[in-house]
Protein backbone atom coordinates (compact mmCIF):
# COMPACT_ATOMS: atom_id res chain seq x y z
CA UNK A 1 0.01 0.03 0.00
CA UNK A 2 1.43 3.38 -0.97
CA UNK A 3 1.76 6.35 1.31
CA UNK A 4 -0.90 9.03 1.05
CA UNK A 5 0.01 12.21 -0.89
CA UNK A 6 -0.05 15.52 0.87
CA UNK A 7 -3.15 16.40 -1.10
CA UNK A 8 -4.95 13.30 0.11
CA UNK A 9 -3.96 14.04 3.72
CA UNK A 10 -5.18 17.68 3.47
CA UNK A 11 -8.46 16.60 1.82
CA UNK A 12 -9.09 13.96 4.52
CA UNK A 13 -8.35 16.49 7.28
CA UNK A 14 -10.82 19.07 5.77
CA UNK A 15 -13.49 16.43 5.23
CA UNK A 16 -13.10 15.29 8.86
CA UNK A 17 -13.48 18.94 10.00
CA UNK A 18 -16.68 19.22 8.02
CA UNK A 19 -18.01 15.97 9.45
CA UNK A 20 -17.32 17.13 13.03
CA UNK A 21 -19.21 20.41 12.40
CA UNK A 22 -22.18 18.50 10.84
CA UNK A 23 -22.25 16.20 13.91
CA UNK A 24 -22.10 19.19 16.27
CA UNK A 25 -18.95 17.72 17.78
CA UNK A 26 -17.66 21.19 18.46
CA UNK A 27 -15.15 20.40 21.18
CA UNK A 28 -13.43 17.88 18.95
CA UNK A 29 -13.60 20.44 16.12
CA UNK A 30 -11.94 23.05 18.29
CA UNK A 31 -9.18 20.60 19.13
CA UNK A 32 -8.20 20.71 15.45
CA UNK A 33 -6.87 24.19 16.07
CA UNK A 34 -3.36 25.04 17.08
CA UNK A 35 -3.06 26.77 20.49
CA UNK A 36 -2.56 30.06 18.69
CA UNK A 37 -5.26 29.20 16.07
CA UNK A 38 -7.67 31.74 14.66
CA UNK A 39 -11.21 31.38 13.24
CA UNK A 40 -12.60 34.24 11.22
CA UNK A 41 -15.68 35.04 9.08
CA UNK A 42 -15.22 38.12 6.99
CA UNK A 43 -18.19 40.46 6.51
CA UNK A 44 -19.74 40.21 3.06
CA UNK A 45 -18.72 43.06 0.75
CA UNK A 46 -15.64 44.02 2.72
CA UNK A 47 -12.79 45.45 0.62
CA UNK A 48 -9.93 42.95 0.21
CA UNK A 49 -11.55 40.18 2.24
CA UNK A 50 -8.64 37.85 1.84
CA UNK A 51 -6.10 40.26 3.43
CA UNK A 52 -8.32 42.52 5.59
CA UNK A 53 -7.41 42.73 9.32
CA UNK A 54 -10.08 42.34 12.00
CA UNK A 55 -8.45 45.17 13.86
CA UNK A 56 -9.12 47.55 10.93
CA UNK A 57 -12.29 46.12 9.34
CA UNK A 58 -15.60 44.68 10.54
CA UNK A 59 -15.64 40.92 10.78
CA UNK A 60 -18.61 38.74 11.76
CA UNK A 61 -16.24 36.52 13.73
CA UNK A 62 -12.65 37.06 14.71
CA UNK A 63 -11.81 34.41 17.33
CA UNK A 64 -8.61 33.55 19.02
CA UNK A 65 -8.49 30.36 21.12
CA UNK A 66 -10.19 32.01 24.16
CA UNK A 67 -13.04 33.40 22.18
CA UNK A 68 -13.35 30.16 20.19
CA UNK A 69 -13.74 28.29 23.50
CA UNK A 70 -16.46 30.72 24.54
CA UNK A 71 -18.25 30.32 21.19
CA UNK A 72 -18.22 26.54 21.39
CA UNK A 73 -19.53 26.57 24.98
CA UNK A 74 -22.33 28.94 24.09
CA UNK A 75 -23.39 26.96 21.01
CA UNK A 76 -23.48 23.71 23.01
CA UNK A 77 -25.45 25.29 25.95
CA UNK A 78 -29.18 24.44 25.94
CA UNK A 79 -29.80 28.03 26.93
CA UNK A 80 -28.53 29.17 23.52
CA UNK A 81 -31.98 29.28 22.01
CA UNK A 82 -30.73 30.29 18.52
CA UNK A 83 -29.13 26.86 18.20
CA UNK A 84 -31.09 24.60 20.53
CA UNK A 85 -32.22 22.33 19.26
CA UNK A 86 -29.23 22.42 16.91
CA UNK A 87 -29.62 23.23 13.27
CA UNK A 88 -29.03 20.49 10.74
CA UNK A 89 -26.02 21.41 8.68
CA UNK A 90 -24.09 20.15 5.71
CA UNK A 91 -20.65 21.50 5.07
CA UNK A 92 -19.69 20.83 1.44
CA UNK A 93 -16.17 21.49 0.19
CA UNK A 94 -14.83 21.59 -3.36
CA UNK A 95 -11.84 22.84 -5.44
CA UNK A 96 -9.41 22.21 -2.60
CA UNK A 97 -6.07 23.68 -3.64
CA UNK A 98 -2.82 23.63 -1.88
CA UNK A 99 -1.10 26.99 -2.57
CA UNK A 100 2.06 26.92 -0.61
CA UNK A 101 4.48 24.28 0.57
CA UNK A 102 7.24 26.28 2.17
CA UNK A 103 7.84 27.21 5.76
CA UNK A 104 5.98 25.99 8.82
CA UNK A 105 2.42 26.52 7.49
CA UNK A 106 0.68 25.07 4.50
CA UNK A 107 -1.70 27.39 2.59
CA UNK A 108 -4.96 25.76 1.43
CA UNK A 109 -7.92 27.26 -0.29
CA UNK A 110 -11.28 25.69 -0.93
CA UNK A 111 -14.80 26.63 -2.06
CA UNK A 112 -17.66 25.83 0.30
CA UNK A 113 -21.40 25.86 0.67
CA UNK A 114 -22.85 25.30 4.10
CA UNK A 115 -26.51 24.46 4.30
CA UNK A 116 -28.39 25.12 7.47
CA UNK A 117 -31.94 23.82 8.18
CA UNK A 118 -33.90 24.97 11.20
CA UNK A 119 -37.60 25.39 11.85
CA UNK A 120 -38.50 24.07 8.34
CA UNK A 121 -36.32 26.70 6.70
CA UNK A 122 -33.08 26.08 4.78
CA UNK A 123 -30.53 28.76 4.18
CA UNK A 124 -27.16 28.43 2.62
CA UNK A 125 -23.83 30.19 2.90
CA UNK A 126 -21.65 30.04 -0.28
CA UNK A 127 -18.08 31.17 -0.13
CA UNK A 128 -14.46 30.25 -0.04
CA UNK A 129 -12.11 29.51 2.83
CA UNK A 130 -8.40 30.13 3.29
CA UNK A 131 -6.53 27.83 5.72
CA UNK A 132 -3.11 27.96 7.22
CA UNK A 133 -2.39 24.40 8.40
CA UNK A 134 0.55 23.27 10.43
CA UNK A 135 1.82 19.71 10.40
CA UNK A 136 1.15 17.93 13.68
CA UNK A 137 2.56 14.38 13.65
CA UNK A 138 0.49 12.42 11.11
CA UNK A 139 -2.12 15.13 10.67
CA UNK A 140 -2.50 18.88 10.77
CA UNK A 141 -3.62 21.65 13.12
CA UNK A 142 -5.45 24.76 11.98
CA UNK A 143 -3.40 27.90 12.48
CA UNK A 144 -5.87 30.08 10.75
CA UNK A 145 -9.25 29.59 9.07
CA UNK A 146 -10.67 32.59 7.19
CA UNK A 147 -14.18 32.09 5.78
CA UNK A 148 -15.29 34.56 3.10
CA UNK A 149 -19.01 34.52 2.37
CA UNK A 150 -19.49 35.20 -1.30
CA UNK A 151 -22.82 37.09 -1.15
CA UNK A 152 -23.51 40.79 -1.34
CA UNK A 153 -25.14 40.77 2.09
CA UNK A 154 -26.63 38.39 4.67
CA UNK A 155 -30.19 39.51 3.82
CA UNK A 156 -31.29 35.94 2.82
CA UNK A 157 -29.44 34.22 5.62
CA UNK A 158 -30.30 36.71 8.33
CA UNK A 159 -27.43 35.80 10.65
CA UNK A 160 -24.59 33.39 11.09
CA UNK A 161 -25.36 31.37 14.24
CA UNK A 162 -23.46 28.24 13.07
CA UNK A 163 -19.79 27.58 12.41
CA UNK A 164 -18.95 27.68 8.74
């Protein structure tokens, strides 16, 4: 049996991340992040969404590890009425591309559509995501995940109460 290529390893890692989110296994999902990991959702229609800084532009989410822990705990709490009972989600990834292979971090881009069904209503979030992954033994850790929603506004979706 041949060893897996780096592409296969990256794809398996990202598909596992999507599965954890769809299963609402948020603590295990958070464990995929490096201790200094960041999770961000860029506001639609922001100028230069791939390089904008959350200290200079409005982001829907700009979480370091502490804020990510708080987000996960809130979403899993039964008192979080916006997500209890939990939405049904499907995180679909495509066009996974490895962009850099130098240094400590691996740059990865992918397109996504996340479907959310709650109270007999289905909304979707199309976009693309930029990862910085760091090798961790036989797998990876997420150093940075930047989700860019590719819509003009969130008028149809209303709000983002799930993890993309």
